[in-house]
Structures are given as C-alpha cells and as structure tokens.
Amino acid sequence: MKRFVLLNVPGKPTATANPAGRLIVRCETPDVTTEMSIGGTDTRENLAFMPMELRDVTDSTGANVRQITMGLVREDGQWRMLSIGVLLLDLPSLEVEWDAEEAEANEITALGNLRRLADAVETYRRTYFRLPESLASLGPPGRVATAKNSQAKTLAATREHAGLVDEELAGGNKDGYEFRIIIAGADTLGAPAKYQLSAIPSSYGRTGKRSFFRDTDGGWHGADHGGAVGGASDPAIQ
C-alpha cells in the first residue's frame, strides 16, 4: 500500500466490491484515506495488465482520479508484479522495465529461432545438395483448392518451398527479430558451401538489444551492436 499512495505511516486496508463487482481497496491513515478501484484483467500469454483508478475519498467529484495500469508476469505458475513505481505515475519508467523484460525473453527466443534456421539449412543441404538461395526457400509450400466444400490441399515440398520452417521465419521477421542468411562465396553447391546467419532486433531496445550471428564454421556469437548486424568477432555463446 505504501508504494501506491506514498504513506508516511502504516495504513489500515479494507476491501469491498462495488455494484459492478469491481474490487475496491481502501487504505486509511490519520492523514489520508486512499481508494483503489481495480478493473478486469487483460491477459496476454505470460503477461497480464490490470487497470486501476486511484483517488482520495474526499475527492467527491473525481477531479483528481488517477488512472493507471499494473503489469504482472507469470513465472513458474505464479504471478508477480513487474513494477508499481511511485503512485504508479512513473509510467515511462514502468514501460522501460516492461521493455527490458520483453527484450530479454525475445533474445532467448531469437537465438532459438536462429538455431532452428541453421538446422533447416542443413536439412535443405542434405535434401537438395545445395544451400537455399534465401530464407524463403525454407518456407512452407502453398496450398491449392480441391473439390467444392473440401479443405485445401498442401502442395509437396520443393526446392523453392521446402517446408522446413514456418512462414514468419521464412519471411525473416519473427518474435521481434529480423533474420538473414548470407552465402559466403559464390558457390552454393554441396557440403563445402559456406553460409552465415544473423538476427537483429526489429526495434532495438524494445524487442531486444543483442544481435546474434552464426559464422561459416558453425560458431555462435552474440553482442550488443545497437541494432546492427553482429559478426564472428563477437563473444562466443553456447
């Protein structure tokens, strides 16, 4: 309570519900009584956002009502608050904290997606005896309509659409990161052909900070390049 309303002394909390069923929490001290009205929760995968109105009970007109949103994250089956700040009015600081949480999760996902691309490239090489000319070649084949009122039929995998990764990853943009394949040298044929893979944040600082890189020898690297492409000289990662 103290972090919400800046109390200098301990307060007495009480909880009730309004006619609409919204939770009303009051915190009473000798100097001030603050009322918090908590609305419905908007849940998005492992994140939840809970709207709240905060006011002094003496404010009968609602002229100074504060409308804020709490952020929560689910970890190990439990919900914890990302931040509540001072009176939850420091929303820019709260957004920075949320962005940092999201960016860290995106970085882990991006590295996993980059490894999936490397596996797909090697499968493509074994199947077609060459490297794919682009990530699009790893994507799913198209679908064609069959008889009326029946489901569309998926076409067979080909060298142009091998069906090794999903459409987003084949398009080079997924989970807040952009992915690219670079052919090292003019020759794309056979096992000796070399390639590199890169992943950079789509929005630096918000969807991630580190850039990831797979060198021609299969080594993995990661570093903060301010959103630019990394390289083989970056620190190695497992």
C-alpha atoms as a PDB file:
ATOM      1  CA  MET A   1       0.000   0.000   0.000  1.00  0.00           C
ATOM      2  CA  LYS A   2       2.748   2.424   0.908  1.00  0.00           C
ATOM      3  CA  ARG A   3       4.264   2.170  -2.571  1.00  0.00           C
ATOM      4  CA  PHE A   4       0.909   3.070  -4.116  1.00  0.00           C
ATOM      5  CA  VAL A   5      -0.056   6.084  -2.013  1.00  0.00           C
ATOM      6  CA  LEU A   6       3.210   7.378  -0.516  1.00  0.00           C
ATOM      7  CA  LEU A   7       2.161   6.822   3.095  1.00  0.00           C
ATOM      8  CA  ASN A   8       4.438   8.030   5.852  1.00  0.00           C
ATOM      9  CA  VAL A   9       2.760   5.813   8.453  1.00  0.00           C
ATOM     10  CA  PRO A  10       1.183   2.348   8.286  1.00  0.00           C
ATOM     11  CA  GLY A  11      -2.369   2.322   6.933  1.00  0.00           C
ATOM     12  CA  LYS A  12      -5.407   0.169   7.637  1.00  0.00           C
ATOM     13  CA  PRO A  13      -6.514  -1.706   4.495  1.00  0.00           C
ATOM     14  CA  THR A  14     -10.065  -2.819   3.753  1.00  0.00           C
ATOM     15  CA  ALA A  15     -11.553  -4.470   0.673  1.00  0.00           C
ATOM     16  CA  THR A  16     -15.098  -4.376  -0.710  1.00  0.00           C
ATOM     17  CA  ALA A  17     -16.778  -4.632  -4.108  1.00  0.00           C
ATOM     18  CA  ASN A  18     -18.883  -2.065  -5.941  1.00  0.00           C
ATOM     19  CA  PRO A  19     -22.262  -2.955  -7.530  1.00  0.00           C
ATOM     20  CA  ALA A  20     -20.498  -3.910 -10.757  1.00  0.00           C
ATOM     21  CA  GLY A  21     -18.305  -6.390  -8.916  1.00  0.00           C
ATOM     22  CA  ARG A  22     -15.091  -4.378  -9.180  1.00  0.00           C
ATOM     23  CA  LEU A  23     -12.738  -4.727  -6.236  1.00  0.00           C
ATOM     24  CA  ILE A  24     -12.430  -1.604  -4.085  1.00  0.00           C
ATOM     25  CA  VAL A  25      -9.394  -1.407  -1.787  1.00  0.00           C
ATOM     26  CA  ARG A  26      -9.109   1.364   0.798  1.00  0.00           C
ATOM     27  CA  CYS A  27      -6.062   2.333   2.799  1.00  0.00           C
ATOM     28  CA  GLU A  28      -6.843   4.564   5.785  1.00  0.00           C
ATOM     29  CA  THR A  29      -4.335   6.590   7.800  1.00  0.00           C
ATOM     30  CA  PRO A  30      -4.824   9.503  10.221  1.00  0.00           C
ATOM     31  CA  ASP A  31      -3.947  11.914   7.421  1.00  0.00           C
ATOM     32  CA  VAL A  32      -5.500  10.446   4.280  1.00  0.00           C
ATOM     33  CA  THR A  33      -7.721   7.638   3.043  1.00  0.00           C
ATOM     34  CA  THR A  34      -6.987   6.393  -0.450  1.00  0.00           C
ATOM     35  CA  GLU A  35      -9.368   4.291  -2.511  1.00  0.00           C
ATOM     36  CA  MET A  36      -8.248   1.994  -5.304  1.00  0.00           C
ATOM     37  CA  SER A  37     -10.778   0.572  -7.770  1.00  0.00           C
ATOM     38  CA  ILE A  38      -9.367  -2.423  -9.660  1.00  0.00           C
ATOM     39  CA  GLY A  39     -10.854  -3.412 -13.025  1.00  0.00           C
ATOM     40  CA  GLY A  40     -10.807  -6.546 -15.174  1.00  0.00           C
ATOM     41  CA  THR A  41      -7.514  -8.151 -16.110  1.00  0.00           C
ATOM     42  CA  ASP A  42      -6.262  -8.250 -19.704  1.00  0.00           C
ATOM     43  CA  THR A  43      -4.151 -11.420 -20.003  1.00  0.00           C
ATOM     44  CA  ARG A  44      -1.736 -11.925 -22.898  1.00  0.00           C
ATOM     45  CA  GLU A  45       0.173 -15.212 -22.666  1.00  0.00           C
ATOM     46  CA  ASN A  46       2.549 -14.761 -19.696  1.00  0.00           C
ATOM     47  CA  LEU A  47       1.738 -11.069 -19.182  1.00  0.00           C
ATOM     48  CA  ALA A  48      -1.288  -9.501 -17.523  1.00  0.00           C
ATOM     49  CA  PHE A  49      -2.406  -5.878 -17.350  1.00  0.00           C
ATOM     50  CA  MET A  50      -4.758  -4.713 -14.613  1.00  0.00           C
ATOM     51  CA  PRO A  51      -6.381  -1.260 -14.829  1.00  0.00           C
ATOM     52  CA  MET A  52      -6.846   0.695 -11.616  1.00  0.00           C
ATOM     53  CA  GLU A  53      -8.304   4.033 -10.535  1.00  0.00           C
ATOM     54  CA  LEU A  54      -6.762   5.730  -7.519  1.00  0.00           C
ATOM     55  CA  ARG A  55      -8.309   8.630  -5.613  1.00  0.00           C
ATOM     56  CA  ASP A  56      -8.596  10.328  -2.249  1.00  0.00           C
ATOM     57  CA  VAL A  57     -12.002   9.515  -0.741  1.00  0.00           C
ATOM     58  CA  THR A  58     -12.552  13.229  -0.067  1.00  0.00           C
ATOM     59  CA  ASP A  59     -12.490  13.845  -3.829  1.00  0.00           C
ATOM     60  CA  SER A  60     -16.232  13.503  -4.367  1.00  0.00           C
ATOM     61  CA  THR A  61     -16.147  14.908  -7.921  1.00  0.00           C
ATOM     62  CA  GLY A  62     -13.394  12.636  -9.173  1.00  0.00           C
ATOM     63  CA  ALA A  63     -11.397  15.616 -10.378  1.00  0.00           C
ATOM     64  CA  ASN A  64      -8.097  14.073  -9.299  1.00  0.00           C
ATOM     65  CA  VAL A  65      -8.706  10.424 -10.124  1.00  0.00           C
ATOM     66  CA  ARG A  66      -5.543   8.693 -11.341  1.00  0.00           C
ATOM     67  CA  GLN A  67      -5.997   6.005 -13.993  1.00  0.00           C
ATOM     68  CA  ILE A  68      -3.113   3.566 -14.141  1.00  0.00           C
ATOM     69  CA  THR A  69      -2.275   0.032 -15.253  1.00  0.00           C
ATOM     70  CA  MET A  70      -0.392  -2.573 -13.280  1.00  0.00           C
ATOM     71  CA  GLY A  71       1.770  -5.073 -15.128  1.00  0.00           C
ATOM     72  CA  LEU A  72       2.261  -8.655 -13.978  1.00  0.00           C
ATOM     73  CA  VAL A  73       4.308 -11.542 -15.350  1.00  0.00           C
ATOM     74  CA  ARG A  74       3.771 -15.265 -14.797  1.00  0.00           C
ATOM     75  CA  GLU A  75       6.837 -17.215 -13.692  1.00  0.00           C
ATOM     76  CA  ASP A  76       6.776 -20.871 -12.582  1.00  0.00           C
ATOM     77  CA  GLY A  77       2.989 -20.788 -12.455  1.00  0.00           C
ATOM     78  CA  GLN A  78       2.905 -17.731 -10.164  1.00  0.00           C
ATOM     79  CA  TRP A  79       2.068 -14.110 -10.957  1.00  0.00           C
ATOM     80  CA  ARG A  80       4.404 -11.372  -9.803  1.00  0.00           C
ATOM     81  CA  MET A  81       4.199  -7.639 -10.300  1.00  0.00           C
ATOM     82  CA  LEU A  82       6.655  -6.230 -12.790  1.00  0.00           C
ATOM     83  CA  SER A  83       6.629  -2.811 -11.150  1.00  0.00           C
ATOM     84  CA  ILE A  84       4.297  -0.469  -9.362  1.00  0.00           C
ATOM     85  CA  GLY A  85       6.541   2.584  -9.190  1.00  0.00           C
ATOM     86  CA  VAL A  86       5.675   5.616  -7.091  1.00  0.00           C
ATOM     87  CA  LEU A  87       1.915   6.033  -7.170  1.00  0.00           C
ATOM     88  CA  LEU A  88       2.185   4.224 -10.500  1.00  0.00           C
ATOM     89  CA  LEU A  89       2.516   7.633 -12.110  1.00  0.00           C
ATOM     90  CA  ASP A  90       6.027   6.989 -13.393  1.00  0.00           C
ATOM     91  CA  LEU A  91       4.710   5.128 -16.421  1.00  0.00           C
ATOM     92  CA  PRO A  92       7.785   5.825 -18.593  1.00  0.00           C
ATOM     93  CA  SER A  93       9.957   4.017 -16.029  1.00  0.00           C
ATOM     94  CA  LEU A  94       7.434   1.214 -15.853  1.00  0.00           C
ATOM     95  CA  GLU A  95       7.436   0.864 -19.646  1.00  0.00           C
ATOM     96  CA  VAL A  96      11.243   0.687 -19.615  1.00  0.00           C
ATOM     97  CA  GLU A  97      11.077  -2.172 -17.137  1.00  0.00           C
ATOM     98  CA  TRP A  98       8.462  -4.000 -19.201  1.00  0.00           C
ATOM     99  CA  ASP A  99      10.505  -3.465 -22.358  1.00  0.00           C
ATOM    100  CA  ALA A 100      13.570  -4.909 -20.621  1.00  0.00           C
ATOM    101  CA  GLU A 101      11.599  -7.986 -19.570  1.00  0.00           C
ATOM    102  CA  GLU A 102      10.259  -8.435 -23.104  1.00  0.00           C
ATOM    103  CA  ALA A 103      13.639  -7.796 -24.724  1.00  0.00           C
ATOM    104  CA  GLU A 104      15.353 -10.423 -22.586  1.00  0.00           C
ATOM    105  CA  ALA A 105      12.694 -13.012 -23.434  1.00  0.00           C
ATOM    106  CA  ASN A 106      12.875 -12.091 -27.135  1.00  0.00           C
ATOM    107  CA  GLU A 107      16.648 -12.548 -27.166  1.00  0.00           C
ATOM    108  CA  ILE A 108      16.313 -16.105 -25.869  1.00  0.00           C
ATOM    109  CA  THR A 109      13.602 -16.823 -28.449  1.00  0.00           C
ATOM    110  CA  ALA A 110      15.632 -15.213 -31.252  1.00  0.00           C
ATOM    111  CA  LEU A 111      18.648 -17.400 -30.581  1.00  0.00           C
ATOM    112  CA  GLY A 112      16.400 -20.460 -30.606  1.00  0.00           C
ATOM    113  CA  ASN A 113      14.869 -19.369 -33.918  1.00  0.00           C
ATOM    114  CA  LEU A 114      18.322 -18.800 -35.389  1.00  0.00           C
ATOM    115  CA  ARG A 115      19.367 -22.314 -34.381  1.00  0.00           C
ATOM    116  CA  ARG A 116      16.193 -23.682 -35.999  1.00  0.00           C
ATOM    117  CA  LEU A 117      17.143 -21.873 -39.194  1.00  0.00           C
ATOM    118  CA  ALA A 118      20.605 -23.440 -39.097  1.00  0.00           C
ATOM    119  CA  ASP A 119      19.068 -26.907 -38.678  1.00  0.00           C
ATOM    120  CA  ALA A 120      16.703 -26.166 -41.569  1.00  0.00           C
ATOM    121  CA  VAL A 121      19.570 -25.026 -43.810  1.00  0.00           C
ATOM    122  CA  GLU A 122      21.492 -28.231 -43.105  1.00  0.00           C
ATOM    123  CA  THR A 123      18.385 -30.346 -43.809  1.00  0.00           C
ATOM    124  CA  TYR A 124      17.880 -28.418 -47.045  1.00  0.00           C
ATOM    125  CA  ARG A 125      21.513 -29.034 -47.993  1.00  0.00           C
ATOM    126  CA  ARG A 126      21.199 -32.800 -47.405  1.00  0.00           C
ATOM    127  CA  THR A 127      17.941 -32.928 -49.380  1.00  0.00           C
ATOM    128  CA  TYR A 128      18.822 -30.758 -52.380  1.00  0.00           C
ATOM    129  CA  PHE A 129      22.655 -30.916 -52.277  1.00  0.00           C
ATOM    130  CA  ARG A 130      22.961 -27.159 -52.178  1.00  0.00           C
ATOM    131  CA  LEU A 131      22.267 -24.166 -49.933  1.00  0.00           C
ATOM    132  CA  PRO A 132      18.971 -22.280 -50.121  1.00  0.00           C
ATOM    133  CA  GLU A 133      19.202 -19.064 -52.076  1.00  0.00           C
ATOM    134  CA  SER A 134      17.139 -17.282 -49.415  1.00  0.00           C
ATOM    135  CA  LEU A 135      15.208 -17.990 -46.231  1.00  0.00           C
ATOM    136  CA  ALA A 136      12.042 -18.031 -48.328  1.00  0.00           C
ATOM    137  CA  SER A 137      13.221 -21.326 -49.838  1.00  0.00           C
ATOM    138  CA  LEU A 138      12.881 -22.901 -46.380  1.00  0.00           C
ATOM    139  CA  GLY A 139       9.246 -21.862 -46.001  1.00  0.00           C
ATOM    140  CA  PRO A 140       6.078 -23.891 -46.340  1.00  0.00           C
ATOM    141  CA  PRO A 141       4.744 -24.876 -49.770  1.00  0.00           C
ATOM    142  CA  GLY A 142       1.489 -23.375 -50.974  1.00  0.00           C
ATOM    143  CA  ARG A 143      -1.997 -24.789 -50.809  1.00  0.00           C
ATOM    144  CA  VAL A 144      -4.490 -25.309 -53.629  1.00  0.00           C
ATOM    145  CA  ALA A 145      -8.245 -25.696 -53.552  1.00  0.00           C
ATOM    146  CA  THR A 146      -9.610 -29.132 -54.418  1.00  0.00           C
ATOM    147  CA  ALA A 147     -13.251 -30.129 -54.780  1.00  0.00           C
ATOM    148  CA  LYS A 148     -16.020 -27.786 -53.667  1.00  0.00           C
ATOM    149  CA  ASN A 149     -16.571 -27.644 -49.890  1.00  0.00           C
ATOM    150  CA  SER A 150     -13.384 -29.624 -49.220  1.00  0.00           C
ATOM    151  CA  GLN A 151     -10.232 -28.442 -47.499  1.00  0.00           C
ATOM    152  CA  ALA A 152      -7.330 -27.018 -49.472  1.00  0.00           C
ATOM    153  CA  LYS A 153      -4.542 -29.438 -50.296  1.00  0.00           C
ATOM    154  CA  THR A 154      -0.959 -28.703 -49.300  1.00  0.00           C
ATOM    155  CA  LEU A 155       1.460 -28.943 -52.200  1.00  0.00           C
ATOM    156  CA  ALA A 156       4.533 -31.143 -51.998  1.00  0.00           C
ATOM    157  CA  ALA A 157       7.784 -29.624 -50.739  1.00  0.00           C
ATOM    158  CA  THR A 158      10.114 -28.353 -53.427  1.00  0.00           C
ATOM    159  CA  ARG A 159      13.500 -26.681 -53.637  1.00  0.00           C
ATOM    160  CA  GLU A 160      11.723 -23.314 -53.766  1.00  0.00           C
ATOM    161  CA  HIS A 161       9.477 -24.061 -50.761  1.00  0.00           C
ATOM    162  CA  ALA A 162      10.987 -26.868 -48.705  1.00  0.00           C
ATOM    163  CA  GLY A 163       8.562 -26.714 -45.785  1.00  0.00           C
ATOM    164  CA  LEU A 164      11.282 -26.682 -43.122  1.00  0.00           C
ATOM    165  CA  VAL A 165      10.265 -23.571 -41.134  1.00  0.00           C
ATOM    166  CA  ASP A 166       7.078 -21.591 -40.655  1.00  0.00           C
ATOM    167  CA  GLU A 167       6.030 -18.683 -42.830  1.00  0.00           C
ATOM    168  CA  GLU A 168       7.155 -15.957 -40.405  1.00  0.00           C
ATOM    169  CA  LEU A 169      10.659 -17.345 -40.018  1.00  0.00           C
ATOM    170  CA  ALA A 170      10.949 -17.896 -43.758  1.00  0.00           C
ATOM    171  CA  GLY A 171       9.907 -14.265 -44.192  1.00  0.00           C
ATOM    172  CA  GLY A 172      12.815 -13.188 -41.991  1.00  0.00           C
ATOM    173  CA  ASN A 173      10.800 -11.500 -39.252  1.00  0.00           C
ATOM    174  CA  LYS A 174       9.547 -13.246 -36.128  1.00  0.00           C
ATOM    175  CA  ASP A 175       9.168 -12.577 -32.376  1.00  0.00           C
ATOM    176  CA  GLY A 176      10.715  -9.110 -32.530  1.00  0.00           C
ATOM    177  CA  TYR A 177      13.798 -10.079 -34.560  1.00  0.00           C
ATOM    178  CA  GLU A 178      14.861  -9.933 -38.215  1.00  0.00           C
ATOM    179  CA  PHE A 179      16.739 -12.888 -39.705  1.00  0.00           C
ATOM    180  CA  ARG A 180      19.030 -13.128 -42.719  1.00  0.00           C
ATOM    181  CA  ILE A 181      21.149 -15.752 -44.471  1.00  0.00           C
ATOM    182  CA  ILE A 182      24.398 -14.716 -46.152  1.00  0.00           C
ATOM    183  CA  ILE A 183      26.060 -17.025 -48.647  1.00  0.00           C
ATOM    184  CA  ALA A 184      29.832 -16.903 -48.111  1.00  0.00           C
ATOM    185  CA  GLY A 185      31.254 -17.141 -51.614  1.00  0.00           C
ATOM    186  CA  ALA A 186      29.648 -17.681 -54.983  1.00  0.00           C
ATOM    187  CA  ASP A 187      29.272 -21.471 -54.719  1.00  0.00           C
ATOM    188  CA  THR A 188      26.110 -22.818 -53.058  1.00  0.00           C
ATOM    189  CA  LEU A 189      26.565 -26.453 -54.138  1.00  0.00           C
ATOM    190  CA  GLY A 190      27.312 -29.389 -51.862  1.00  0.00           C
ATOM    191  CA  ALA A 191      28.740 -29.807 -48.401  1.00  0.00           C
ATOM    192  CA  PRO A 192      31.688 -27.379 -48.827  1.00  0.00           C
ATOM    193  CA  ALA A 193      29.385 -24.405 -49.474  1.00  0.00           C
ATOM    194  CA  LYS A 194      29.520 -21.856 -46.631  1.00  0.00           C
ATOM    195  CA  TYR A 195      26.882 -19.575 -45.158  1.00  0.00           C
ATOM    196  CA  GLN A 196      26.254 -17.237 -42.243  1.00  0.00           C
ATOM    197  CA  LEU A 197      23.058 -16.425 -40.341  1.00  0.00           C
ATOM    198  CA  SER A 198      22.222 -13.234 -38.497  1.00  0.00           C
ATOM    199  CA  ALA A 199      19.470 -11.980 -36.216  1.00  0.00           C
ATOM    200  CA  ILE A 200      18.985  -8.348 -35.203  1.00  0.00           C
ATOM    201  CA  PRO A 201      16.258  -6.696 -33.077  1.00  0.00           C
ATOM    202  CA  SER A 202      13.370  -5.316 -35.123  1.00  0.00           C
ATOM    203  CA  SER A 203      13.151  -2.422 -32.669  1.00  0.00           C
ATOM    204  CA  TYR A 204      16.421  -2.006 -30.785  1.00  0.00           C
ATOM    205  CA  GLY A 205      15.966  -1.675 -27.031  1.00  0.00           C
ATOM    206  CA  ARG A 206      12.315  -2.613 -27.161  1.00  0.00           C
ATOM    207  CA  THR A 207      12.299  -6.082 -28.769  1.00  0.00           C
ATOM    208  CA  GLY A 208      15.911  -6.866 -27.898  1.00  0.00           C
ATOM    209  CA  LYS A 209      19.433  -5.471 -27.635  1.00  0.00           C
ATOM    210  CA  ARG A 210      21.789  -8.241 -28.621  1.00  0.00           C
ATOM    211  CA  SER A 211      22.500  -9.194 -32.227  1.00  0.00           C
ATOM    212  CA  PHE A 212      23.213 -12.862 -32.926  1.00  0.00           C
ATOM    213  CA  PHE A 213      25.461 -14.378 -35.570  1.00  0.00           C
ATOM    214  CA  ARG A 214      26.280 -17.872 -36.869  1.00  0.00           C
ATOM    215  CA  ASP A 215      29.678 -17.898 -38.571  1.00  0.00           C
ATOM    216  CA  THR A 216      30.767 -20.052 -41.534  1.00  0.00           C
ATOM    217  CA  ASP A 217      32.298 -22.663 -39.208  1.00  0.00           C
ATOM    218  CA  GLY A 218      29.099 -23.103 -37.221  1.00  0.00           C
ATOM    219  CA  GLY A 219      30.150 -20.945 -34.253  1.00  0.00           C
ATOM    220  CA  TRP A 220      27.540 -18.861 -32.428  1.00  0.00           C
ATOM    221  CA  HIS A 221      28.101 -15.264 -31.319  1.00  0.00           C
ATOM    222  CA  GLY A 222      26.114 -12.531 -29.603  1.00  0.00           C
ATOM    223  CA  ALA A 223      26.710  -8.895 -28.648  1.00  0.00           C
ATOM    224  CA  ASP A 224      25.006  -5.523 -28.375  1.00  0.00           C
ATOM    225  CA  HIS A 225      25.565  -3.666 -31.656  1.00  0.00           C
ATOM    226  CA  GLY A 226      22.893  -1.012 -31.219  1.00  0.00           C
ATOM    227  CA  GLY A 227      20.647  -2.895 -33.627  1.00  0.00           C
ATOM    228  CA  ALA A 228      23.296  -3.543 -36.307  1.00  0.00           C
ATOM    229  CA  VAL A 229      24.406  -6.950 -37.585  1.00  0.00           C
ATOM    230  CA  GLY A 230      26.897  -8.848 -35.449  1.00  0.00           C
ATOM    231  CA  GLY A 231      29.949 -10.769 -36.596  1.00  0.00           C
ATOM    232  CA  ALA A 232      32.346 -13.632 -35.967  1.00  0.00           C
ATOM    233  CA  SER A 233      34.492 -11.465 -33.681  1.00  0.00           C
ATOM    234  CA  ASP A 234      31.654 -11.130 -31.150  1.00  0.00           C
ATOM    235  CA  PRO A 235      31.830 -13.171 -27.930  1.00  0.00           C
ATOM    236  CA  ALA A 236      31.003 -16.837 -28.404  1.00  0.00           C
ATOM    237  CA  ILE A 237      27.758 -18.159 -26.935  1.00  0.00           C
ATOM    238  CA  GLN A 238      26.583 -21.699 -26.309  1.00  0.00           C
END
